[in-house]
């Protein structure tokens, strides 16, 4: 349970880091470049925070290179969830991303755990 709560806390820090970096970079870069750079930097930070605090494992190049899989997983599940909520269930689009993101957390956690602790069973 500690790992899941720490994983969620790192996610909150990661989101705040991304948004602050995005706003900062937006002052000198086009929005898409600011988004990509902020996302990349936040993902690097997330990797090290998860390695240190969530999984208590030393960072390695292998883990670092596999870590983006957690973001791809989150993106796919969140995107599918938003589609399901809005187009299939005909619920409002305003809170759909929040609900879909919450649903993605357990799967993202399993993929993250697999990347960070490859010999353990998620």
PDB file of N, CA and C in Angstrom:
ATOM      1  N   UNK A   1       0.822  -1.190   0.000  1.00  0.00           N
ATOM      2  CA  UNK A   1       0.000   0.000   0.000  1.00  0.00           C
ATOM      3  C   UNK A   1       0.876   1.269   0.000  1.00  0.00           C
ATOM      4  N   UNK A   2       2.021   1.222   0.701  1.00  0.00           N
ATOM      5  CA  UNK A   2       2.927   2.362   0.728  1.00  0.00           C
ATOM      6  C   UNK A   2       3.403   2.706  -0.674  1.00  0.00           C
ATOM      7  N   UNK A   3       3.717   1.687  -1.460  1.00  0.00           N
ATOM      8  CA  UNK A   3       4.199   1.931  -2.814  1.00  0.00           C
ATOM      9  C   UNK A   3       3.146   2.630  -3.660  1.00  0.00           C
ATOM     10  N   UNK A   4       1.911   2.202  -3.554  1.00  0.00           N
ATOM     11  CA  UNK A   4       0.842   2.793  -4.368  1.00  0.00           C
ATOM     12  C   UNK A   4       0.625   4.261  -3.978  1.00  0.00           C
ATOM     13  N   UNK A   5       0.620   4.535  -2.677  1.00  0.00           N
ATOM     14  CA  UNK A   5       0.439   5.918  -2.221  1.00  0.00           C
ATOM     15  C   UNK A   5       1.621   6.800  -2.641  1.00  0.00           C
ATOM     16  N   UNK A   6       2.819   6.266  -2.535  1.00  0.00           N
ATOM     17  CA  UNK A   6       4.005   7.016  -2.961  1.00  0.00           C
ATOM     18  C   UNK A   6       3.973   7.233  -4.464  1.00  0.00           C
ATOM     19  N   UNK A   7       3.563   6.218  -5.210  1.00  0.00           N
ATOM     20  CA  UNK A   7       3.428   6.325  -6.667  1.00  0.00           C
ATOM     21  C   UNK A   7       2.455   7.448  -7.025  1.00  0.00           C
ATOM     22  N   UNK A   8       1.338   7.503  -6.328  1.00  0.00           N
ATOM     23  CA  UNK A   8       0.343   8.557  -6.574  1.00  0.00           C
ATOM     24  C   UNK A   8       0.913   9.932  -6.222  1.00  0.00           C
ATOM     25  N   UNK A   9       1.634  10.018  -5.108  1.00  0.00           N
ATOM     26  CA  UNK A   9       2.235  11.298  -4.694  1.00  0.00           C
ATOM     27  C   UNK A   9       3.269  11.765  -5.720  1.00  0.00           C
ATOM     28  N   UNK A  10       4.075  10.849  -6.223  1.00  0.00           N
ATOM     29  CA  UNK A  10       5.046  11.188  -7.262  1.00  0.00           C
ATOM     30  C   UNK A  10       4.310  11.672  -8.511  1.00  0.00           C
ATOM     31  N   UNK A  11       3.179  11.062  -8.809  1.00  0.00           N
ATOM     32  CA  UNK A  11       2.371  11.495  -9.952  1.00  0.00           C
ATOM     33  C   UNK A  11       1.880  12.923  -9.805  1.00  0.00           C
ATOM     34  N   UNK A  12       1.477  13.284  -8.603  1.00  0.00           N
ATOM     35  CA  UNK A  12       1.034  14.661  -8.344  1.00  0.00           C
ATOM     36  C   UNK A  12       2.204  15.624  -8.517  1.00  0.00           C
ATOM     37  N   UNK A  13       3.348  15.276  -7.952  1.00  0.00           N
ATOM     38  CA  UNK A  13       4.549  16.116  -8.090  1.00  0.00           C
ATOM     39  C   UNK A  13       4.943  16.220  -9.560  1.00  0.00           C
ATOM     40  N   UNK A  14       4.874  15.112 -10.276  1.00  0.00           N
ATOM     41  CA  UNK A  14       5.227  15.093 -11.694  1.00  0.00           C
ATOM     42  C   UNK A  14       4.304  16.006 -12.502  1.00  0.00           C
ATOM     43  N   UNK A  15       3.013  15.947 -12.230  1.00  0.00           N
ATOM     44  CA  UNK A  15       2.054  16.790 -12.944  1.00  0.00           C
ATOM     45  C   UNK A  15       2.308  18.267 -12.663  1.00  0.00           C
ATOM     46  N   UNK A  16       2.555  18.604 -11.407  1.00  0.00           N
ATOM     47  CA  UNK A  16       2.848  19.992 -11.040  1.00  0.00           C
ATOM     48  C   UNK A  16       4.149  20.463 -11.688  1.00  0.00           C
ATOM     49  N   UNK A  17       5.155  19.593 -11.701  1.00  0.00           N
ATOM     50  CA  UNK A  17       6.437  19.927 -12.326  1.00  0.00           C
ATOM     51  C   UNK A  17       6.246  20.193 -13.816  1.00  0.00           C
ATOM     52  N   UNK A  18       5.521  19.286 -14.473  1.00  0.00           N
ATOM     53  CA  UNK A  18       5.247  19.465 -15.907  1.00  0.00           C
ATOM     54  C   UNK A  18       4.578  20.806 -16.155  1.00  0.00           C
ATOM     55  N   UNK A  19       3.537  21.112 -15.403  1.00  0.00           N
ATOM     56  CA  UNK A  19       2.764  22.325 -15.652  1.00  0.00           C
ATOM     57  C   UNK A  19       3.597  23.587 -15.403  1.00  0.00           C
ATOM     58  N   UNK A  20       4.369  23.598 -14.344  1.00  0.00           N
ATOM     59  CA  UNK A  20       5.240  24.750 -14.059  1.00  0.00           C
ATOM     60  C   UNK A  20       6.299  24.925 -15.150  1.00  0.00           C
ATOM     61  N   UNK A  21       6.917  23.820 -15.563  1.00  0.00           N
ATOM     62  CA  UNK A  21       7.901  23.887 -16.643  1.00  0.00           C
ATOM     63  C   UNK A  21       7.249  24.357 -17.943  1.00  0.00           C
ATOM     64  N   UNK A  22       6.062  23.851 -18.219  1.00  0.00           N
ATOM     65  CA  UNK A  22       5.335  24.250 -19.428  1.00  0.00           C
ATOM     66  C   UNK A  22       5.099  25.760 -19.433  1.00  0.00           C
ATOM     67  N   UNK A  23       4.598  26.298 -18.329  1.00  0.00           N
ATOM     68  CA  UNK A  23       4.336  27.730 -18.257  1.00  0.00           C
ATOM     69  C   UNK A  23       5.624  28.543 -18.395  1.00  0.00           C
ATOM     70  N   UNK A  24       6.688  28.076 -17.763  1.00  0.00           N
ATOM     71  CA  UNK A  24       7.974  28.753 -17.850  1.00  0.00           C
ATOM     72  C   UNK A  24       8.509  28.737 -19.283  1.00  0.00           C
ATOM     73  N   UNK A  25       8.494  27.571 -19.899  1.00  0.00           N
ATOM     74  CA  UNK A  25       9.014  27.431 -21.259  1.00  0.00           C
ATOM     75  C   UNK A  25       8.152  28.155 -22.285  1.00  0.00           C
ATOM     76  N   UNK A  26       6.880  28.289 -21.980  1.00  0.00           N
ATOM     77  CA  UNK A  26       5.950  28.954 -22.883  1.00  0.00           C
ATOM     78  C   UNK A  26       6.314  30.427 -23.086  1.00  0.00           C
ATOM     79  N   UNK A  27       7.051  30.997 -22.158  1.00  0.00           N
ATOM     80  CA  UNK A  27       7.452  32.406 -22.293  1.00  0.00           C
ATOM     81  C   UNK A  27       8.463  32.613 -23.422  1.00  0.00           C
ATOM     82  N   UNK A  28       9.147  31.545 -23.837  1.00  0.00           N
ATOM     83  CA  UNK A  28      10.150  31.700 -24.884  1.00  0.00           C
ATOM     84  C   UNK A  28      10.033  30.724 -26.036  1.00  0.00           C
ATOM     85  N   UNK A  29       9.106  29.774 -25.924  1.00  0.00           N
ATOM     86  CA  UNK A  29       8.981  28.747 -26.961  1.00  0.00           C
ATOM     87  C   UNK A  29       7.528  28.655 -27.436  1.00  0.00           C
ATOM     88  N   UNK A  30       7.321  28.153 -28.656  1.00  0.00           N
ATOM     89  CA  UNK A  30       5.946  27.854 -29.076  1.00  0.00           C
ATOM     90  C   UNK A  30       5.341  26.783 -28.156  1.00  0.00           C
ATOM     91  N   UNK A  31       4.010  26.772 -28.034  1.00  0.00           N
ATOM     92  CA  UNK A  31       3.359  25.891 -27.061  1.00  0.00           C
ATOM     93  C   UNK A  31       3.704  24.421 -27.239  1.00  0.00           C
ATOM     94  N   UNK A  32       3.816  23.949 -28.474  1.00  0.00           N
ATOM     95  CA  UNK A  32       4.093  22.529 -28.689  1.00  0.00           C
ATOM     96  C   UNK A  32       5.507  22.176 -28.233  1.00  0.00           C
ATOM     97  N   UNK A  33       6.459  23.020 -28.540  1.00  0.00           N
ATOM     98  CA  UNK A  33       7.835  22.792 -28.086  1.00  0.00           C
ATOM     99  C   UNK A  33       7.900  22.855 -26.563  1.00  0.00           C
ATOM    100  N   UNK A  34       7.177  23.803 -25.964  1.00  0.00           N
ATOM    101  CA  UNK A  34       7.139  23.914 -24.501  1.00  0.00           C
ATOM    102  C   UNK A  34       6.534  22.652 -23.889  1.00  0.00           C
ATOM    103  N   UNK A  35       5.469  22.146 -24.496  1.00  0.00           N
ATOM    104  CA  UNK A  35       4.816  20.930 -24.005  1.00  0.00           C
ATOM    105  C   UNK A  35       5.763  19.729 -24.067  1.00  0.00           C
ATOM    106  N   UNK A  36       6.396  19.535 -25.210  1.00  0.00           N
ATOM    107  CA  UNK A  36       7.266  18.366 -25.395  1.00  0.00           C
ATOM    108  C   UNK A  36       8.463  18.423 -24.449  1.00  0.00           C
ATOM    109  N   UNK A  37       9.078  19.571 -24.342  1.00  0.00           N
ATOM    110  CA  UNK A  37      10.246  19.704 -23.467  1.00  0.00           C
ATOM    111  C   UNK A  37       9.857  19.553 -22.001  1.00  0.00           C
ATOM    112  N   UNK A  38       8.753  20.181 -21.593  1.00  0.00           N
ATOM    113  CA  UNK A  38       8.283  20.065 -20.207  1.00  0.00           C
ATOM    114  C   UNK A  38       7.906  18.619 -19.889  1.00  0.00           C
ATOM    115  N   UNK A  39       7.236  17.955 -20.816  1.00  0.00           N
ATOM    116  CA  UNK A  39       6.835  16.559 -20.621  1.00  0.00           C
ATOM    117  C   UNK A  39       8.060  15.671 -20.465  1.00  0.00           C
ATOM    118  N   UNK A  40       9.053  15.874 -21.316  1.00  0.00           N
ATOM    119  CA  UNK A  40      10.274  15.070 -21.265  1.00  0.00           C
ATOM    120  C   UNK A  40      11.029  15.294 -19.953  1.00  0.00           C
ATOM    121  N   UNK A  41      11.186  16.542 -19.563  1.00  0.00           N
ATOM    122  CA  UNK A  41      11.893  16.840 -18.314  1.00  0.00           C
ATOM    123  C   UNK A  41      11.138  16.297 -17.096  1.00  0.00           C
ATOM    124  N   UNK A  42       9.816  16.426 -17.102  1.00  0.00           N
ATOM    125  CA  UNK A  42       9.020  15.907 -15.991  1.00  0.00           C
ATOM    126  C   UNK A  42       9.107  14.384 -15.929  1.00  0.00           C
ATOM    127  N   UNK A  43       9.152  13.730 -17.085  1.00  0.00           N
ATOM    128  CA  UNK A  43       9.257  12.273 -17.110  1.00  0.00           C
ATOM    129  C   UNK A  43      10.609  11.822 -16.542  1.00  0.00           C
ATOM    130  N   UNK A  44      11.671  12.546 -16.846  1.00  0.00           N
ATOM    131  CA  UNK A  44      12.986  12.221 -16.290  1.00  0.00           C
ATOM    132  C   UNK A  44      12.944  12.369 -14.764  1.00  0.00           C
ATOM    133  N   UNK A  45      12.362  13.461 -14.306  1.00  0.00           N
ATOM    134  CA  UNK A  45      12.213  13.657 -12.868  1.00  0.00           C
ATOM    135  C   UNK A  45      11.381  12.569 -12.226  1.00  0.00           C
ATOM    136  N   UNK A  46      10.306  12.184 -12.883  1.00  0.00           N
ATOM    137  CA  UNK A  46       9.437  11.120 -12.380  1.00  0.00           C
ATOM    138  C   UNK A  46      10.192   9.802 -12.256  1.00  0.00           C
ATOM    139  N   UNK A  47      11.046   9.520 -13.221  1.00  0.00           N
ATOM    140  CA  UNK A  47      11.836   8.298 -13.166  1.00  0.00           C
ATOM    141  C   UNK A  47      12.686   8.259 -11.898  1.00  0.00           C
ATOM    142  N   UNK A  48      13.413   9.353 -11.645  1.00  0.00           N
ATOM    143  CA  UNK A  48      14.297   9.367 -10.485  1.00  0.00           C
ATOM    144  C   UNK A  48      13.519   9.388  -9.168  1.00  0.00           C
ATOM    145  N   UNK A  49      12.409  10.096  -9.120  1.00  0.00           N
ATOM    146  CA  UNK A  49      11.581  10.103  -7.906  1.00  0.00           C
ATOM    147  C   UNK A  49      10.998   8.720  -7.628  1.00  0.00           C
ATOM    148  N   UNK A  50      10.512   8.060  -8.680  1.00  0.00           N
ATOM    149  CA  UNK A  50       9.966   6.713  -8.492  1.00  0.00           C
ATOM    150  C   UNK A  50      11.051   5.722  -8.098  1.00  0.00           C
ATOM    151  N   UNK A  51      12.219   5.833  -8.710  1.00  0.00           N
ATOM    152  CA  UNK A  51      13.320   4.932  -8.350  1.00  0.00           C
ATOM    153  C   UNK A  51      13.684   5.100  -6.880  1.00  0.00           C
ATOM    154  N   UNK A  52      13.802   6.337  -6.445  1.00  0.00           N
ATOM    155  CA  UNK A  52      14.256   6.616  -5.073  1.00  0.00           C
ATOM    156  C   UNK A  52      13.182   6.371  -4.018  1.00  0.00           C
ATOM    157  N   UNK A  53      11.998   6.917  -4.239  1.00  0.00           N
ATOM    158  CA  UNK A  53      10.986   6.914  -3.183  1.00  0.00           C
ATOM    159  C   UNK A  53       9.942   5.806  -3.315  1.00  0.00           C
ATOM    160  N   UNK A  54       9.476   5.537  -4.533  1.00  0.00           N
ATOM    161  CA  UNK A  54       8.417   4.534  -4.692  1.00  0.00           C
ATOM    162  C   UNK A  54       8.970   3.120  -4.604  1.00  0.00           C
ATOM    163  N   UNK A  55      10.013   2.841  -5.396  1.00  0.00           N
ATOM    164  CA  UNK A  55      10.518   1.467  -5.491  1.00  0.00           C
ATOM    165  C   UNK A  55      11.811   1.230  -4.738  1.00  0.00           C
ATOM    166  N   UNK A  56      12.456   2.299  -4.293  1.00  0.00           N
ATOM    167  CA  UNK A  56      13.704   2.190  -3.540  1.00  0.00           C
ATOM    168  C   UNK A  56      14.703   1.266  -4.241  1.00  0.00           C
ATOM    169  N   UNK A  57      14.935   1.589  -5.489  1.00  0.00           N
ATOM    170  CA  UNK A  57      15.823   0.797  -6.325  1.00  0.00           C
ATOM    171  C   UNK A  57      16.802   1.742  -7.017  1.00  0.00           C
ATOM    172  N   UNK A  58      18.013   1.281  -7.254  1.00  0.00           N
ATOM    173  CA  UNK A  58      18.962   2.155  -7.946  1.00  0.00           C
ATOM    174  C   UNK A  58      18.548   2.366  -9.409  1.00  0.00           C
ATOM    175  N   UNK A  59      18.669   3.595  -9.903  1.00  0.00           N
ATOM    176  CA  UNK A  59      18.357   3.830 -11.318  1.00  0.00           C
ATOM    177  C   UNK A  59      19.422   3.200 -12.212  1.00  0.00           C
ATOM    178  N   UNK A  60      18.982   2.637 -13.304  1.00  0.00           N
ATOM    179  CA  UNK A  60      19.911   2.066 -14.289  1.00  0.00           C
ATOM    180  C   UNK A  60      19.508   2.584 -15.668  1.00  0.00           C
ATOM    181  N   UNK A  61      20.417   2.456 -16.615  1.00  0.00           N
ATOM    182  CA  UNK A  61      20.091   2.877 -17.984  1.00  0.00           C
ATOM    183  C   UNK A  61      18.955   2.044 -18.554  1.00  0.00           C
ATOM    184  N   UNK A  62      18.934   0.754 -18.260  1.00  0.00           N
ATOM    185  CA  UNK A  62      17.858  -0.125 -18.762  1.00  0.00           C
ATOM    186  C   UNK A  62      16.504   0.368 -18.273  1.00  0.00           C
ATOM    187  N   UNK A  63      16.397   0.637 -16.987  1.00  0.00           N
ATOM    188  CA  UNK A  63      15.139   1.126 -16.411  1.00  0.00           C
ATOM    189  C   UNK A  63      14.777   2.485 -16.994  1.00  0.00           C
ATOM    190  N   UNK A  64      15.782   3.347 -17.130  1.00  0.00           N
ATOM    191  CA  UNK A  64      15.554   4.683 -17.668  1.00  0.00           C
ATOM    192  C   UNK A  64      15.006   4.616 -19.090  1.00  0.00           C
ATOM    193  N   UNK A  65      15.552   3.720 -19.898  1.00  0.00           N
ATOM    194  CA  UNK A  65      15.112   3.605 -21.292  1.00  0.00           C
ATOM    195  C   UNK A  65      13.742   2.939 -21.417  1.00  0.00           C
ATOM    196  N   UNK A  66      13.380   2.090 -20.457  1.00  0.00           N
ATOM    197  CA  UNK A  66      12.064   1.440 -20.475  1.00  0.00           C
ATOM    198  C   UNK A  66      10.975   2.295 -19.813  1.00  0.00           C
ATOM    199  N   UNK A  67      11.366   3.243 -19.005  1.00  0.00           N
ATOM    200  CA  UNK A  67      10.406   4.030 -18.239  1.00  0.00           C
ATOM    201  C   UNK A  67       9.343   4.731 -19.090  1.00  0.00           C
ATOM    202  N   UNK A  68       9.649   5.223 -20.288  1.00  0.00           N
ATOM    203  CA  UNK A  68       8.591   5.851 -21.101  1.00  0.00           C
ATOM    204  C   UNK A  68       7.395   4.930 -21.380  1.00  0.00           C
ATOM    205  N   UNK A  69       7.590   3.613 -21.262  1.00  0.00           N
ATOM    206  CA  UNK A  69       6.452   2.694 -21.431  1.00  0.00           C
ATOM    207  C   UNK A  69       5.336   3.006 -20.441  1.00  0.00           C
ATOM    208  N   UNK A  70       5.680   3.498 -19.271  1.00  0.00           N
ATOM    209  CA  UNK A  70       4.651   3.825 -18.284  1.00  0.00           C
ATOM    210  C   UNK A  70       3.806   4.995 -18.768  1.00  0.00           C
ATOM    211  N   UNK A  71       4.430   5.953 -19.437  1.00  0.00           N
ATOM    212  CA  UNK A  71       3.688   7.088 -19.962  1.00  0.00           C
ATOM    213  C   UNK A  71       2.834   6.703 -21.159  1.00  0.00           C
ATOM    214  N   UNK A  72       3.345   5.829 -22.000  1.00  0.00           N
ATOM    215  CA  UNK A  72       2.555   5.346 -23.138  1.00  0.00           C
ATOM    216  C   UNK A  72       1.331   4.597 -22.620  1.00  0.00           C
ATOM    217  N   UNK A  73       1.521   3.768 -21.631  1.00  0.00           N
ATOM    218  CA  UNK A  73       0.417   3.023 -21.037  1.00  0.00           C
ATOM    219  C   UNK A  73      -0.635   3.975 -20.492  1.00  0.00           C
ATOM    220  N   UNK A  74      -0.188   4.960 -19.748  1.00  0.00           N
ATOM    221  CA  UNK A  74      -1.105   5.942 -19.169  1.00  0.00           C
ATOM    222  C   UNK A  74      -1.865   6.676 -20.272  1.00  0.00           C
ATOM    223  N   UNK A  75      -1.172   7.078 -21.325  1.00  0.00           N
ATOM    224  CA  UNK A  75      -1.792   7.800 -22.430  1.00  0.00           C
ATOM    225  C   UNK A  75      -2.863   6.956 -23.117  1.00  0.00           C
ATOM    226  N   UNK A  76      -2.545   5.716 -23.401  1.00  0.00           N
ATOM    227  CA  UNK A  76      -3.491   4.836 -24.101  1.00  0.00           C
ATOM    228  C   UNK A  76      -4.741   4.601 -23.253  1.00  0.00           C
ATOM    229  N   UNK A  77      -4.559   4.285 -21.985  1.00  0.00           N
ATOM    230  CA  UNK A  77      -5.699   4.009 -21.114  1.00  0.00           C
ATOM    231  C   UNK A  77      -6.534   5.277 -20.893  1.00  0.00           C
ATOM    232  N   UNK A  78      -5.875   6.397 -20.674  1.00  0.00           N
ATOM    233  CA  UNK A  78      -6.600   7.647 -20.463  1.00  0.00           C
ATOM    234  C   UNK A  78      -7.375   8.048 -21.715  1.00  0.00           C
ATOM    235  N   UNK A  79      -6.751   7.930 -22.866  1.00  0.00           N
ATOM    236  CA  UNK A  79      -7.422   8.286 -24.119  1.00  0.00           C
ATOM    237  C   UNK A  79      -8.622   7.379 -24.372  1.00  0.00           C
ATOM    238  N   UNK A  80      -8.435   6.071 -24.194  1.00  0.00           N
ATOM    239  CA  UNK A  80      -9.556   5.141 -24.363  1.00  0.00           C
ATOM    240  C   UNK A  80     -10.664   5.421 -23.343  1.00  0.00           C
ATOM    241  N   UNK A  81     -10.272   5.745 -22.123  1.00  0.00           N
ATOM    242  CA  UNK A  81     -11.250   6.049 -21.087  1.00  0.00           C
ATOM    243  C   UNK A  81     -12.059   7.289 -21.392  1.00  0.00           C
ATOM    244  N   UNK A  82     -11.406   8.341 -21.874  1.00  0.00           N
ATOM    245  CA  UNK A  82     -12.120   9.565 -22.237  1.00  0.00           C
ATOM    246  C   UNK A  82     -13.110   9.270 -23.365  1.00  0.00           C
ATOM    247  N   UNK A  83     -12.674   8.521 -24.356  1.00  0.00           N
ATOM    248  CA  UNK A  83     -13.578   8.150 -25.456  1.00  0.00           C
ATOM    249  C   UNK A  83     -14.778   7.372 -24.926  1.00  0.00           C
ATOM    250  N   UNK A  84     -14.527   6.388 -24.087  1.00  0.00           N
ATOM    251  CA  UNK A  84     -15.601   5.573 -23.529  1.00  0.00           C
ATOM    252  C   UNK A  84     -16.590   6.424 -22.727  1.00  0.00           C
ATOM    253  N   UNK A  85     -16.069   7.280 -21.881  1.00  0.00           N
ATOM    254  CA  UNK A  85     -16.923   8.112 -21.023  1.00  0.00           C
ATOM    255  C   UNK A  85     -17.756   9.097 -21.852  1.00  0.00           C
ATOM    256  N   UNK A  86     -17.127   9.746 -22.826  1.00  0.00           N
ATOM    257  CA  UNK A  86     -17.814  10.798 -23.577  1.00  0.00           C
ATOM    258  C   UNK A  86     -18.666  10.228 -24.710  1.00  0.00           C
ATOM    259  N   UNK A  87     -18.093   9.380 -25.561  1.00  0.00           N
ATOM    260  CA  UNK A  87     -18.813   8.925 -26.751  1.00  0.00           C
ATOM    261  C   UNK A  87     -19.685   7.700 -26.543  1.00  0.00           C
ATOM    262  N   UNK A  88     -19.290   6.829 -25.641  1.00  0.00           N
ATOM    263  CA  UNK A  88     -20.078   5.605 -25.437  1.00  0.00           C
ATOM    264  C   UNK A  88     -21.098   5.794 -24.311  1.00  0.00           C
ATOM    265  N   UNK A  89     -20.636   6.327 -23.182  1.00  0.00           N
ATOM    266  CA  UNK A  89     -21.527   6.509 -22.036  1.00  0.00           C
ATOM    267  C   UNK A  89     -22.278   7.848 -22.083  1.00  0.00           C
ATOM    268  N   UNK A  90     -21.895   8.711 -23.008  1.00  0.00           N
ATOM    269  CA  UNK A  90     -22.523  10.026 -23.187  1.00  0.00           C
ATOM    270  C   UNK A  90     -22.514  10.859 -21.909  1.00  0.00           C
ATOM    271  N   UNK A  91     -21.434  10.752 -21.154  1.00  0.00           N
ATOM    272  CA  UNK A  91     -21.244  11.587 -19.974  1.00  0.00           C
ATOM    273  C   UNK A  91     -20.499  12.848 -20.416  1.00  0.00           C
ATOM    274  N   UNK A  92     -20.448  13.827 -19.574  1.00  0.00           N
ATOM    275  CA  UNK A  92     -19.806  15.089 -19.919  1.00  0.00           C
ATOM    276  C   UNK A  92     -18.318  14.953 -20.140  1.00  0.00           C
ATOM    277  N   UNK A  93     -17.782  15.830 -20.959  1.00  0.00           N
ATOM    278  CA  UNK A  93     -16.356  15.788 -21.275  1.00  0.00           C
ATOM    279  C   UNK A  93     -15.515  16.568 -20.281  1.00  0.00           C
ATOM    280  N   UNK A  94     -16.135  17.362 -19.436  1.00  0.00           N
ATOM    281  CA  UNK A  94     -15.381  18.222 -18.527  1.00  0.00           C
ATOM    282  C   UNK A  94     -14.530  17.439 -17.531  1.00  0.00           C
ATOM    283  N   UNK A  95     -15.099  16.394 -16.928  1.00  0.00           N
ATOM    284  CA  UNK A  95     -14.374  15.624 -15.914  1.00  0.00           C
ATOM    285  C   UNK A  95     -13.921  14.251 -16.423  1.00  0.00           C
ATOM    286  N   UNK A  96     -14.200  13.956 -17.668  1.00  0.00           N
ATOM    287  CA  UNK A  96     -13.820  12.660 -18.231  1.00  0.00           C
ATOM    288  C   UNK A  96     -12.326  12.369 -18.109  1.00  0.00           C
ATOM    289  N   UNK A  97     -11.433  13.339 -18.383  1.00  0.00           N
ATOM    290  CA  UNK A  97      -9.998  13.045 -18.249  1.00  0.00           C
ATOM    291  C   UNK A  97      -9.590  12.697 -16.819  1.00  0.00           C
ATOM    292  N   UNK A  98     -10.223  13.335 -15.840  1.00  0.00           N
ATOM    293  CA  UNK A  98      -9.880  13.031 -14.447  1.00  0.00           C
ATOM    294  C   UNK A  98     -10.295  11.612 -14.072  1.00  0.00           C
ATOM    295  N   UNK A  99     -11.495  11.227 -14.487  1.00  0.00           N
ATOM    296  CA  UNK A  99     -11.981   9.876 -14.199  1.00  0.00           C
ATOM    297  C   UNK A  99     -11.120   8.845 -14.929  1.00  0.00           C
ATOM    298  N   UNK A 100     -10.826   9.115 -16.190  1.00  0.00           N
ATOM    299  CA  UNK A 100     -10.002   8.184 -16.975  1.00  0.00           C
ATOM    300  C   UNK A 100      -8.591   8.075 -16.409  1.00  0.00           C
ATOM    301  N   UNK A 101      -8.044   9.195 -15.961  1.00  0.00           N
ATOM    302  CA  UNK A 101      -6.704   9.176 -15.369  1.00  0.00           C
ATOM    303  C   UNK A 101      -6.678   8.358 -14.089  1.00  0.00           C
ATOM    304  N   UNK A 102      -7.717   8.513 -13.283  1.00  0.00           N
ATOM    305  CA  UNK A 102      -7.798   7.725 -12.048  1.00  0.00           C
ATOM    306  C   UNK A 102      -7.875   6.242 -12.362  1.00  0.00           C
ATOM    307  N   UNK A 103      -8.591   5.887 -13.408  1.00  0.00           N
ATOM    308  CA  UNK A 103      -8.703   4.482 -13.806  1.00  0.00           C
ATOM    309  C   UNK A 103      -7.376   3.942 -14.340  1.00  0.00           C
ATOM    310  N   UNK A 104      -6.542   4.815 -14.891  1.00  0.00           N
ATOM    311  CA  UNK A 104      -5.263   4.388 -15.466  1.00  0.00           C
ATOM    312  C   UNK A 104      -4.193   4.148 -14.414  1.00  0.00           C
ATOM    313  N   UNK A 105      -4.361   4.719 -13.230  1.00  0.00           N
ATOM    314  CA  UNK A 105      -3.319   4.625 -12.207  1.00  0.00           C
ATOM    315  C   UNK A 105      -2.921   3.187 -11.877  1.00  0.00           C
ATOM    316  N   UNK A 106      -3.871   2.265 -11.635  1.00  0.00           N
ATOM    317  CA  UNK A 106      -3.443   0.896 -11.288  1.00  0.00           C
ATOM    318  C   UNK A 106      -2.632   0.213 -12.393  1.00  0.00           C
ATOM    319  N   UNK A 107      -3.045   0.384 -13.639  1.00  0.00           N
ATOM    320  CA  UNK A 107      -2.324  -0.263 -14.738  1.00  0.00           C
ATOM    321  C   UNK A 107      -0.956   0.390 -14.923  1.00  0.00           C
ATOM    322  N   UNK A 108      -0.915   1.706 -14.840  1.00  0.00           N
ATOM    323  CA  UNK A 108       0.353   2.416 -14.949  1.00  0.00           C
ATOM    324  C   UNK A 108       1.297   1.999 -13.824  1.00  0.00           C
ATOM    325  N   UNK A 109       0.748   1.803 -12.655  1.00  0.00           N
ATOM    326  CA  UNK A 109       1.553   1.344 -11.514  1.00  0.00           C
ATOM    327  C   UNK A 109       2.163  -0.028 -11.804  1.00  0.00           C
ATOM    328  N   UNK A 110       1.382  -0.941 -12.349  1.00  0.00           N
ATOM    329  CA  UNK A 110       1.886  -2.293 -12.651  1.00  0.00           C
ATOM    330  C   UNK A 110       3.004  -2.221 -13.684  1.00  0.00           C
ATOM    331  N   UNK A 111       2.816  -1.425 -14.732  1.00  0.00           N
ATOM    332  CA  UNK A 111       3.857  -1.297 -15.760  1.00  0.00           C
ATOM    333  C   UNK A 111       5.102  -0.634 -15.165  1.00  0.00           C
ATOM    334  N   UNK A 112       4.902   0.389 -14.366  1.00  0.00           N
ATOM    335  CA  UNK A 112       6.018   1.064 -13.718  1.00  0.00           C
ATOM    336  C   UNK A 112       6.783   0.110 -12.812  1.00  0.00           C
ATOM    337  N   UNK A 113       6.062  -0.681 -12.069  1.00  0.00           N
ATOM    338  CA  UNK A 113       6.696  -1.652 -11.169  1.00  0.00           C
ATOM    339  C   UNK A 113       7.491  -2.683 -11.975  1.00  0.00           C
ATOM    340  N   UNK A 114       6.933  -3.130 -13.094  1.00  0.00           N
ATOM    341  CA  UNK A 114       7.612  -4.096 -13.954  1.00  0.00           C
ATOM    342  C   UNK A 114       8.919  -3.509 -14.495  1.00  0.00           C
ATOM    343  N   UNK A 115       8.895  -2.215 -14.864  1.00  0.00           N
ATOM    344  CA  UNK A 115      10.097  -1.555 -15.379  1.00  0.00           C
ATOM    345  C   UNK A 115      11.134  -1.367 -14.271  1.00  0.00           C
ATOM    346  N   UNK A 116      10.683  -0.891 -13.124  1.00  0.00           N
ATOM    347  CA  UNK A 116      11.612  -0.528 -12.046  1.00  0.00           C
ATOM    348  C   UNK A 116      12.104  -1.732 -11.237  1.00  0.00           C
ATOM    349  N   UNK A 117      11.268  -2.750 -11.127  1.00  0.00           N
ATOM    350  CA  UNK A 117      11.628  -3.958 -10.376  1.00  0.00           C
ATOM    351  C   UNK A 117      11.373  -5.183 -11.259  1.00  0.00           C
ATOM    352  N   UNK A 118      12.145  -5.381 -12.312  1.00  0.00           N
ATOM    353  CA  UNK A 118      11.841  -6.398 -13.313  1.00  0.00           C
ATOM    354  C   UNK A 118      11.788  -7.833 -12.794  1.00  0.00           C
ATOM    355  N   UNK A 119      12.430  -8.127 -11.670  1.00  0.00           N
ATOM    356  CA  UNK A 119      12.414  -9.501 -11.170  1.00  0.00           C
ATOM    357  C   UNK A 119      11.246  -9.770 -10.232  1.00  0.00           C
ATOM    358  N   UNK A 120      10.485  -8.727  -9.897  1.00  0.00           N
ATOM    359  CA  UNK A 120       9.359  -8.913  -8.990  1.00  0.00           C
ATOM    360  C   UNK A 120       8.073  -9.150  -9.776  1.00  0.00           C
ATOM    361  N   UNK A 121       7.118  -9.688  -9.109  1.00  0.00           N
ATOM    362  CA  UNK A 121       5.803  -9.891  -9.694  1.00  0.00           C
ATOM    363  C   UNK A 121       4.950  -8.706  -9.304  1.00  0.00           C
ATOM    364  N   UNK A 122       4.359  -8.059 -10.302  1.00  0.00           N
ATOM    365  CA  UNK A 122       3.538  -6.875 -10.043  1.00  0.00           C
ATOM    366  C   UNK A 122       2.284  -7.312  -9.355  1.00  0.00           C
TER     367      UNK A 122
END
